[in-house]
Amino acid sequence: MFSRGAFSAFKQATQGASAKLSAHNVLLGASVATALGSGASLYYLNQNAAHANMEAEGLHPADHPFPQKKLFGTFDHASIRRGFHVFKEVCAACHSLDLIYWRNLVDVAYTEEEARLMAAEYQYTDGPDDTGAMFERPGKLTDPMPRPYPNEEAARAANAGAYPPDLSLITKARHHGVDYIYSLLTGYSDPPAGVEVREGLNYNPYFPGGAIAMAQNIFDGVVEFEDGTPNTASQITKDVVTFLNWAAEPELDDRKKIGVKAILLFSTLTALALWIKRNRWQTLKTRKIVFNPPKNWNRKN
């Protein structure tokens, strides 16, 4: 039916088309691989950028395994209790905690009686009384955490011009949150060769610029824990960072509990909706509509 020449021509055309298609696939694959490789490289460089301004930005902290960072993780409340003890003994000498009240500690780290007794250890200015004068009284559960300084000017005067920030939201106000705070508190070291730190400052590679006014305050044994937990510098830092994370997000445990309940609820509703669609609507979805035209279109009624 077909001549040998026609068959040879068809074979050559087919091979040529296959070759062109193969070349096209190779180019397409190379383009996709180049795009993916470029994207991966840009992402890596963005996450691990090495440039001349790294010291000004500070080192990127490592990822530390705090349990509350996990998807369904919650706070270690024993750690919160120890962390507040560290804050009260070490941090409260310079830093305030304006957004936390004594009542916030109840049923989180302390009983109501324990929180009431701790509040009563401090004197608060109240009033005026019947004569119009202000007076001092012991603290109550409704009082905020006491400030170390009466105003910003006094704080700067006591710290060589540096202003110790309020720590209520510090883990949310700093990039990398708890990882940054932990690395900062444990990252003090001697400056490397060629780096000079002026008098009154301390070298810390995690702080932007490398020079920080706050001296290292956490060492092994700086506080004693009532529950017998080893008071190493890393454990002390971990506990105080956990407390500061709770201070910034006291609703975290409840939020995650509500999230789990919402996932269970919507999963159940989704399964129910799929069952209704498959079974209750089955008769409608499988219904067949048939049109039977009249055999005699010209017939009159």
Protein backbone atom coordinates (compact mmCIF):
# COMPACT_ATOMS: atom_id res chain seq x y z
CA MET A 1 0.00 0.00 0.00
CA PHE A 2 2.89 2.34 0.95
CA SER A 3 6.16 2.54 -0.94
CA ARG A 4 9.48 1.98 0.75
CA GLY A 5 10.44 5.62 0.13
CA ALA A 6 7.29 6.92 1.83
CA PHE A 7 7.94 4.71 4.83
CA SER A 8 11.53 5.96 5.10
CA ALA A 9 10.37 9.59 4.92
CA PHE A 10 7.79 8.97 7.64
CA LYS A 11 10.42 7.31 9.84
CA GLN A 12 12.85 10.20 9.39
CA ALA A 13 10.13 12.76 10.23
CA THR A 14 9.18 10.81 13.34
CA GLN A 15 12.77 10.62 14.52
CA GLY A 16 13.24 14.34 13.88
CA ALA A 17 10.15 15.18 15.89
CA SER A 18 11.31 12.89 18.71
CA ALA A 19 14.70 14.57 18.73
CA LYS A 20 13.11 18.01 18.88
CA LEU A 21 10.80 16.88 21.67
CA SER A 22 13.70 15.40 23.63
CA ALA A 23 15.71 18.61 23.25
CA HIS A 24 12.68 20.61 24.39
CA ASN A 25 12.28 18.39 27.47
CA VAL A 26 15.96 18.75 28.31
CA LEU A 27 15.76 22.54 28.08
CA LEU A 28 12.57 22.60 30.15
CA GLY A 29 14.11 20.36 32.81
CA ALA A 30 17.25 22.50 32.93
CA SER A 31 15.17 25.66 33.32
CA VAL A 32 13.14 24.17 36.17
CA ALA A 33 16.28 22.90 37.90
CA THR A 34 17.93 26.32 37.54
CA ALA A 35 14.90 28.09 38.97
CA LEU A 36 14.67 25.68 41.92
CA GLY A 37 18.39 25.90 42.59
CA SER A 38 18.32 29.71 42.46
CA GLY A 39 15.36 29.83 44.81
CA ALA A 40 17.02 27.44 47.27
CA SER A 41 20.25 29.46 47.13
CA LEU A 42 18.45 32.74 47.75
CA TYR A 43 16.55 31.22 50.68
CA TYR A 44 19.77 29.85 52.20
CA LEU A 45 21.58 33.17 51.79
CA ASN A 46 18.62 35.00 53.32
CA GLN A 47 18.63 32.69 56.35
CA ASN A 48 22.41 32.51 56.64
CA ALA A 49 23.50 35.82 55.27
CA ALA A 50 27.22 36.54 55.54
CA HIS A 51 28.07 40.16 54.89
CA ALA A 52 30.18 42.96 56.20
CA ASN A 53 27.40 44.34 58.38
CA MET A 54 26.86 41.18 60.44
CA GLU A 55 28.40 42.65 63.58
CA ALA A 56 26.05 45.61 63.43
CA GLU A 57 23.05 43.27 63.28
CA GLY A 58 24.32 40.72 65.79
CA LEU A 59 24.70 36.98 65.40
CA HIS A 60 21.61 34.91 64.63
CA PRO A 61 20.68 32.83 67.69
CA ALA A 62 20.43 29.05 67.59
CA ASP A 63 17.08 27.29 67.79
CA HIS A 64 16.60 26.18 71.41
CA PRO A 65 14.11 23.42 72.36
CA PHE A 66 11.67 25.37 74.50
CA PRO A 67 8.55 23.18 74.90
CA GLN A 68 6.11 26.07 74.35
CA LYS A 69 7.50 26.58 70.83
CA LYS A 70 6.10 23.24 69.64
CA LEU A 71 2.79 23.14 67.80
CA PHE A 72 0.89 21.65 70.73
CA GLY A 73 3.48 22.48 73.41
CA THR A 74 2.59 24.38 76.57
CA PHE A 75 4.51 26.20 79.27
CA ASP A 76 6.44 24.36 81.95
CA HIS A 77 4.80 25.99 84.98
CA ALA A 78 7.50 24.80 87.37
CA SER A 79 9.96 26.64 85.12
CA ILE A 80 7.76 29.75 85.24
CA ARG A 81 7.88 29.66 89.05
CA ARG A 82 11.67 29.31 89.07
CA GLY A 83 11.96 31.98 86.38
CA PHE A 84 10.00 34.50 88.44
CA HIS A 85 12.31 33.78 91.34
CA VAL A 86 15.28 34.57 89.08
CA PHE A 87 13.60 37.75 87.83
CA LYS A 88 12.87 38.92 91.37
CA GLU A 89 16.39 38.18 92.61
CA VAL A 90 18.41 39.29 89.58
CA CYS A 91 16.51 41.16 86.87
CA ALA A 92 14.16 43.28 89.01
CA ALA A 93 17.08 45.37 90.26
CA CYS A 94 17.11 47.21 86.90
CA HIS A 95 14.14 46.11 84.79
CA SER A 96 10.43 46.75 85.27
CA LEU A 97 7.49 44.46 84.47
CA ASP A 98 4.66 46.97 84.17
CA LEU A 99 2.06 44.76 82.49
CA ILE A 100 2.18 41.96 85.07
CA TYR A 101 0.23 42.17 88.31
CA TRP A 102 0.58 39.97 91.36
CA ARG A 103 -2.80 38.40 90.66
CA ASN A 104 -1.50 37.14 87.30
CA LEU A 105 0.76 34.70 89.14
CA VAL A 106 -2.15 33.01 90.92
CA ASP A 107 -2.81 29.45 89.67
CA VAL A 108 0.03 29.83 87.17
CA ALA A 109 3.11 29.57 89.37
CA TYR A 110 1.87 30.36 92.90
CA THR A 111 -1.16 29.89 95.08
CA GLU A 112 -3.27 32.90 96.00
CA GLU A 113 -1.83 32.98 99.52
CA GLU A 114 1.76 32.80 98.26
CA ALA A 115 1.18 35.65 95.80
CA ARG A 116 -0.51 37.74 98.51
CA LEU A 117 2.44 37.29 100.89
CA MET A 118 4.97 38.21 98.18
CA ALA A 119 3.00 41.35 97.28
CA ALA A 120 2.89 42.39 100.95
CA GLU A 121 6.70 42.46 101.08
CA TYR A 122 6.66 45.68 99.01
CA GLN A 123 5.36 49.13 99.91
CA TYR A 124 3.12 51.03 97.47
CA THR A 125 2.13 54.68 97.49
CA ASP A 126 -1.65 55.06 97.75
CA GLY A 127 -4.17 57.71 98.60
CA PRO A 128 -5.10 60.36 99.18
CA ASP A 129 -6.51 59.64 102.63
CA ASP A 130 -9.17 61.68 104.45
CA THR A 131 -6.68 64.49 105.00
CA GLY A 132 -5.60 64.56 101.34
CA ALA A 133 -2.17 63.08 102.02
CA MET A 134 -0.59 60.13 100.24
CA PHE A 135 0.47 57.16 102.33
CA GLU A 136 2.41 53.92 102.07
CA ARG A 137 0.73 50.52 102.36
CA PRO A 138 1.70 46.88 101.80
CA GLY A 139 1.14 45.52 98.32
CA LYS A 140 -2.02 43.71 97.25
CA LEU A 141 -2.83 41.24 94.51
CA THR A 142 -4.24 44.06 92.39
CA ASP A 143 -0.93 45.95 92.37
CA PRO A 144 1.53 45.77 89.46
CA MET A 145 5.08 44.56 89.89
CA PRO A 146 7.15 47.24 91.63
CA ARG A 147 9.41 49.39 89.49
CA PRO A 148 13.12 49.61 90.33
CA TYR A 149 13.25 53.33 89.46
CA PRO A 150 10.65 56.08 89.81
CA ASN A 151 11.17 57.40 86.26
CA GLU A 152 13.31 57.07 83.13
CA GLU A 153 15.74 59.79 84.17
CA ALA A 154 16.54 58.00 87.42
CA ALA A 155 17.02 54.73 85.52
CA ARG A 156 19.46 56.32 83.08
CA ALA A 157 21.36 58.06 85.86
CA ALA A 158 21.87 54.75 87.66
CA ASN A 159 22.99 52.91 84.51
CA ALA A 160 25.50 55.30 82.92
CA GLY A 161 22.93 56.73 80.52
CA ALA A 162 21.50 53.39 79.35
CA TYR A 163 17.79 52.79 79.89
CA PRO A 164 16.88 49.24 80.99
CA PRO A 165 13.78 48.30 78.96
CA ASP A 166 10.56 47.01 80.44
CA LEU A 167 10.48 43.22 80.11
CA SER A 168 6.72 42.67 79.92
CA LEU A 169 6.77 42.06 76.14
CA ILE A 170 10.48 41.62 75.53
CA THR A 171 10.20 38.16 73.93
CA LYS A 172 7.69 39.51 71.40
CA ALA A 173 9.57 42.75 70.84
CA ARG A 174 12.82 41.06 69.76
CA HIS A 175 13.40 39.11 66.56
CA HIS A 176 13.73 35.36 67.26
CA GLY A 177 12.03 35.88 70.63
CA VAL A 178 13.07 33.42 73.33
CA ASP A 179 16.02 32.14 71.29
CA TYR A 180 17.48 35.65 71.09
CA ILE A 181 16.99 36.38 74.80
CA TYR A 182 18.54 33.04 75.81
CA SER A 183 21.52 33.54 73.48
CA LEU A 184 21.99 37.11 74.66
CA LEU A 185 22.04 36.17 78.36
CA THR A 186 24.49 33.31 77.81
CA GLY A 187 26.55 34.87 75.02
CA TYR A 188 28.92 37.16 76.94
CA SER A 189 32.57 36.66 76.07
CA ASP A 190 35.85 38.50 75.70
CA PRO A 191 36.05 40.59 72.52
CA PRO A 192 38.01 38.94 69.70
CA ALA A 193 41.31 40.31 68.47
CA GLY A 194 40.92 43.64 66.74
CA VAL A 195 37.59 44.51 68.40
CA GLU A 196 37.63 47.27 70.98
CA VAL A 197 34.80 47.86 73.44
CA ARG A 198 34.75 51.22 75.17
CA GLU A 199 34.72 51.48 78.94
CA GLY A 200 31.36 50.79 80.56
CA LEU A 201 30.19 48.40 77.84
CA ASN A 202 30.42 44.62 77.54
CA TYR A 203 31.04 42.48 74.49
CA ASN A 204 28.17 40.25 73.37
CA PRO A 205 28.11 39.06 69.75
CA TYR A 206 24.32 38.55 69.78
CA PHE A 207 23.63 42.20 70.60
CA PRO A 208 23.50 44.53 67.57
CA GLY A 209 26.86 46.27 67.41
CA GLY A 210 28.46 43.79 69.80
CA ALA A 211 28.65 46.22 72.74
CA ILE A 212 25.94 46.17 75.41
CA ALA A 213 25.62 48.26 78.55
CA MET A 214 24.10 45.43 80.61
CA ALA A 215 26.77 43.38 82.33
CA GLN A 216 26.58 39.63 82.65
CA ASN A 217 24.40 38.87 85.66
CA ILE A 218 23.71 35.14 85.37
CA PHE A 219 26.32 32.70 86.60
CA ASP A 220 26.33 29.24 88.10
CA GLY A 221 24.81 29.39 91.58
CA VAL A 222 23.60 33.01 91.39
CA VAL A 223 20.25 31.87 92.84
CA GLU A 224 19.04 28.82 94.76
CA PHE A 225 15.93 26.95 93.63
CA GLU A 226 13.55 25.72 96.31
CA ASP A 227 12.68 22.55 94.39
CA GLY A 228 16.28 21.38 94.17
CA THR A 229 16.73 22.03 90.44
CA PRO A 230 20.45 22.41 89.55
CA ASN A 231 21.24 26.11 89.50
CA THR A 232 23.55 26.14 86.51
CA ALA A 233 23.76 29.27 84.37
CA SER A 234 22.01 27.56 81.46
CA GLN A 235 19.15 26.30 83.69
CA ILE A 236 18.74 29.71 85.33
CA THR A 237 18.62 31.38 81.91
CA LYS A 238 16.17 28.84 80.54
CA ASP A 239 13.80 29.41 83.48
CA VAL A 240 13.88 33.21 83.39
CA VAL A 241 13.38 33.21 79.60
CA THR A 242 10.39 30.88 80.06
CA PHE A 243 8.94 33.28 82.63
CA LEU A 244 9.44 36.27 80.31
CA ASN A 245 7.80 34.34 77.48
CA TRP A 246 4.81 33.66 79.73
CA ALA A 247 4.69 37.35 80.73
CA ALA A 248 4.46 38.31 77.05
CA GLU A 249 1.93 35.56 76.17
CA PRO A 250 0.02 34.49 79.29
CA GLU A 251 -2.83 33.24 77.10
CA LEU A 252 -0.64 30.79 75.14
CA ASP A 253 -1.80 27.63 76.97
CA ASP A 254 -5.47 28.53 76.65
CA ARG A 255 -5.04 29.54 73.02
CA LYS A 256 -3.55 26.17 72.12
CA LYS A 257 -6.24 24.30 74.07
CA ILE A 258 -8.91 26.20 72.16
CA GLY A 259 -7.06 25.46 68.93
CA VAL A 260 -7.11 21.71 69.61
CA LYS A 261 -10.83 21.86 70.40
CA ALA A 262 -11.45 23.83 67.21
CA ILE A 263 -9.53 21.28 65.12
CA LEU A 264 -11.57 18.42 66.61
CA LEU A 265 -14.83 20.32 66.13
CA PHE A 266 -14.20 21.28 62.51
CA SER A 267 -12.86 17.82 61.69
CA THR A 268 -16.12 16.33 62.98
CA LEU A 269 -18.20 18.86 61.07
CA THR A 270 -16.21 18.22 57.89
CA ALA A 271 -16.72 14.45 58.17
CA LEU A 272 -20.44 15.00 58.82
CA ALA A 273 -20.75 17.31 55.81
CA LEU A 274 -19.03 14.76 53.57
CA TRP A 275 -21.33 12.00 54.82
CA ILE A 276 -24.42 14.12 54.21
CA LYS A 277 -23.23 15.04 50.73
CA ARG A 278 -22.52 11.43 49.83
CA ASN A 279 -25.61 9.80 51.31
CA ARG A 280 -28.38 12.36 51.62
CA TRP A 281 -27.75 13.94 48.23
CA GLN A 282 -27.09 10.65 46.48
CA THR A 283 -30.65 10.34 45.20
CA LEU A 284 -30.52 13.82 43.69
CA LYS A 285 -27.03 13.49 42.23
CA THR A 286 -27.85 10.13 40.59
CA ARG A 287 -31.33 11.09 39.39
CA LYS A 288 -31.80 10.78 35.67
CA ILE A 289 -34.13 13.07 33.80
CA VAL A 290 -35.52 11.56 30.59
CA PHE A 291 -37.38 13.46 27.94
CA ASN A 292 -39.90 11.40 25.96
CA PRO A 293 -41.04 13.46 23.01
CA PRO A 294 -44.50 12.77 21.63
CA LYS A 295 -44.57 10.47 18.69
CA ASN A 296 -47.02 12.60 16.76
CA TRP A 297 -46.06 16.27 16.87
CA ASN A 298 -48.98 17.25 14.67
CA ARG A 299 -51.62 15.63 16.80
CA LYS A 300 -54.14 18.08 18.15
CA ASN A 301 -55.62 17.75 21.61
